[in-house]
Amino acid sequence: MVDGEGSFHVAFQKRRDLPLGISIIPEFHVSQNRCSIKALEIVKSILGSGYIKPNHRHSSDQTYVFVVRDRNDLITKVIPFFRYNNLITSKAKDFNIFAKIVDLIEKGYHRNRHTIIKIIDLAYQMNAGGKRRVVKKEDLIQNVLKSSETIWRKSDQKSDKDIVRTE
């Protein structure tokens, strides 16, 4: 089912309140018509995470989507599941890139101007080169390059407080 109706996706949202001006949102989706919503409930039960919602609110579209956005659930449930249960279509490539991006975010690469560009490049290699993306890759990169700050976290620091440095 995931090979046909599933998607590994990395969304970007321009945000002026963030030092680099971009929020990165990795997501796993599976969609089904309303008459097959039970299949989504099974996927949710197997993975033990996520939620089900209408795919297109305020529309006559009758599809529903199972979504996992929580990064911890992606790291501990979704990625290990698909590493063990290999995909057989071109989604296998998308999954491998997705897993790499989630790992880079977990390591803090999204906090540095130069390494966030690597994440953007990887994301735009997914899902047929991002043909359906609203924001162009070049616009995202320009947004990052305009930013004047990079967030650094001391590796020995136990708290979640970030140190902001102006470059």
Protein backbone atom coordinates (compact mmCIF):
# COMPACT_ATOMS: atom_id res chain seq x y z
CA MET A 1 0.00 0.00 0.00
CA VAL A 2 2.78 2.48 0.85
CA ASP A 3 4.55 1.79 -2.45
CA GLY A 4 1.35 2.89 -4.21
CA GLU A 5 -0.31 5.50 -2.00
CA GLY A 6 2.45 6.49 0.41
CA SER A 7 4.79 9.44 0.37
CA PHE A 8 7.93 10.53 2.15
CA HIS A 9 7.94 14.29 1.99
CA VAL A 10 10.00 17.17 3.32
CA ALA A 11 8.10 20.46 3.45
CA PHE A 12 9.72 23.86 3.83
CA GLN A 13 8.01 26.85 5.32
CA LYS A 14 9.45 30.35 5.14
CA ARG A 15 9.44 31.78 8.66
CA ARG A 16 10.78 35.19 9.55
CA ASP A 17 10.84 34.25 13.24
CA LEU A 18 13.58 31.63 12.70
CA PRO A 19 17.26 32.59 12.39
CA LEU A 20 17.67 30.95 8.97
CA GLY A 21 14.18 31.92 7.81
CA ILE A 22 13.04 28.34 7.09
CA SER A 23 11.26 25.60 8.98
CA ILE A 24 11.85 22.02 7.77
CA ILE A 25 8.96 19.59 8.21
CA PRO A 26 9.62 15.93 7.35
CA GLU A 27 6.39 13.94 6.93
CA PHE A 28 5.26 10.44 6.10
CA HIS A 29 1.82 10.14 4.42
CA VAL A 30 -0.45 7.38 3.19
CA SER A 31 -3.73 8.28 1.48
CA GLN A 32 -6.86 6.25 0.79
CA ASN A 33 -10.40 6.88 -0.37
CA ARG A 34 -12.95 7.18 2.45
CA CYS A 35 -14.29 3.67 1.78
CA SER A 36 -10.78 2.30 2.57
CA ILE A 37 -10.09 4.32 5.70
CA LYS A 38 -9.74 1.01 7.62
CA ALA A 39 -6.43 0.48 5.79
CA LEU A 40 -5.14 3.77 7.25
CA GLU A 41 -6.26 2.69 10.71
CA ILE A 42 -4.25 -0.51 10.28
CA VAL A 43 -1.13 1.45 9.24
CA LYS A 44 -1.60 3.75 12.24
CA SER A 45 -1.95 0.73 14.52
CA ILE A 46 1.13 -1.02 13.10
CA LEU A 47 3.33 2.08 13.42
CA GLY A 48 1.83 3.17 16.74
CA SER A 49 1.92 6.83 15.82
CA GLY A 50 0.48 9.50 13.56
CA TYR A 51 -3.06 10.66 12.89
CA ILE A 52 -5.73 10.38 10.20
CA LYS A 53 -7.42 13.42 8.66
CA PRO A 54 -9.30 14.46 5.53
CA ASN A 55 -6.76 14.90 2.73
CA HIS A 56 -8.31 18.12 1.44
CA ARG A 57 -10.38 20.01 3.96
CA HIS A 58 -13.28 22.09 2.64
CA SER A 59 -13.38 20.05 -0.56
CA SER A 60 -15.62 17.40 -2.08
CA ASP A 61 -12.55 15.12 -2.21
CA GLN A 62 -13.31 11.89 -0.36
CA THR A 63 -9.73 10.88 0.47
CA TYR A 64 -8.18 10.63 3.89
CA VAL A 65 -4.53 10.69 4.82
CA PHE A 66 -2.50 9.10 7.59
CA VAL A 67 0.30 11.48 8.62
CA VAL A 68 3.37 11.16 10.84
CA ARG A 69 5.21 14.44 11.49
CA ASP A 70 6.61 13.87 14.96
CA ARG A 71 10.38 13.61 14.44
CA ASN A 72 10.84 11.16 17.30
CA ASP A 73 8.19 8.87 15.80
CA LEU A 74 9.84 9.17 12.39
CA ILE A 75 13.21 8.19 13.92
CA THR A 76 12.01 5.43 16.24
CA LYS A 77 9.05 3.95 14.34
CA VAL A 78 8.64 4.90 10.67
CA ILE A 79 12.27 4.78 9.50
CA PRO A 80 13.11 1.51 11.29
CA PHE A 81 9.89 -0.06 9.92
CA PHE A 82 10.85 0.73 6.32
CA ARG A 83 14.47 -0.24 6.83
CA TYR A 84 13.21 -3.67 7.85
CA ASN A 85 10.30 -3.82 5.34
CA ASN A 86 11.91 -2.66 2.10
CA LEU A 87 9.95 -0.70 -0.44
CA ILE A 88 10.05 -2.09 -3.98
CA THR A 89 9.22 0.92 -6.17
CA SER A 90 10.95 4.25 -6.80
CA LYS A 91 9.72 5.23 -3.33
CA ALA A 92 12.69 3.27 -1.96
CA LYS A 93 14.98 6.04 -3.26
CA ASP A 94 12.73 8.71 -1.75
CA PHE A 95 12.72 6.84 1.56
CA ASN A 96 16.53 6.65 1.66
CA ILE A 97 16.84 10.39 1.03
CA PHE A 98 14.08 11.09 3.57
CA ALA A 99 15.85 8.98 6.23
CA LYS A 100 19.11 10.83 5.54
CA ILE A 101 17.39 14.23 5.87
CA VAL A 102 15.75 13.26 9.17
CA ASP A 103 19.16 12.09 10.42
CA LEU A 104 20.79 15.38 9.36
CA ILE A 105 18.08 17.35 11.16
CA GLU A 106 18.52 15.20 14.25
CA LYS A 107 22.26 16.00 14.16
CA GLY A 108 21.48 19.74 13.97
CA TYR A 109 22.49 20.36 10.35
CA HIS A 110 19.36 22.46 9.86
CA ARG A 111 20.86 25.08 12.19
CA ASN A 112 23.74 26.02 9.91
CA ARG A 113 23.39 28.11 6.78
CA HIS A 114 25.73 25.96 4.70
CA THR A 115 24.46 22.55 5.77
CA ILE A 116 20.77 23.47 5.53
CA ILE A 117 21.40 23.99 1.81
CA LYS A 118 22.50 20.33 1.64
CA ILE A 119 19.15 19.35 3.18
CA ILE A 120 17.27 21.50 0.65
CA ASP A 121 19.22 19.92 -2.24
CA LEU A 122 18.45 16.42 -0.98
CA ALA A 123 14.74 17.17 -0.51
CA TYR A 124 14.42 18.46 -4.06
CA GLN A 125 15.78 15.13 -5.34
CA MET A 126 12.76 13.36 -3.86
CA ASN A 127 9.33 12.79 -5.44
CA ALA A 128 10.29 13.27 -9.08
CA GLY A 129 12.45 16.28 -8.38
CA GLY A 130 9.78 18.20 -6.51
CA LYS A 131 7.65 19.01 -9.56
CA ARG A 132 4.63 19.78 -7.34
CA ARG A 133 6.48 22.04 -4.94
CA VAL A 134 5.07 25.53 -4.61
CA VAL A 135 8.35 27.13 -3.51
CA LYS A 136 11.29 26.86 -5.89
CA LYS A 137 14.56 25.48 -4.56
CA GLU A 138 16.43 28.62 -5.61
CA ASP A 139 14.03 30.81 -3.58
CA LEU A 140 14.62 28.72 -0.46
CA ILE A 141 18.38 28.87 -0.89
CA GLN A 142 18.26 32.65 -1.43
CA ASN A 143 16.19 32.97 1.74
CA VAL A 144 18.87 31.07 3.67
CA LEU A 145 21.75 33.02 2.14
CA LYS A 146 20.09 36.31 3.14
CA SER A 147 19.98 35.24 6.77
CA SER A 148 22.71 36.58 9.01
CA GLU A 149 22.63 34.04 11.80
CA THR A 150 23.60 30.45 12.36
CA ILE A 151 22.52 28.53 15.44
CA TRP A 152 25.18 26.46 17.12
CA ARG A 153 24.67 23.97 19.94
CA LYS A 154 27.60 23.02 22.10
CA SER A 155 27.98 19.25 21.90
CA ASP A 156 28.50 18.98 25.66
CA GLN A 157 25.54 21.23 26.49
CA LYS A 158 22.74 19.36 28.27
CA SER A 159 20.00 22.00 27.96
CA ASP A 160 17.97 22.84 24.87
CA LYS A 161 19.16 26.44 24.79
CA ASP A 162 20.74 27.51 21.54
CA ILE A 163 23.62 29.86 21.07
CA VAL A 164 23.02 32.33 18.23
CA ARG A 165 26.03 33.72 16.41
CA THR A 166 25.94 36.39 13.75
CA GLU A 167 28.20 35.58 10.82
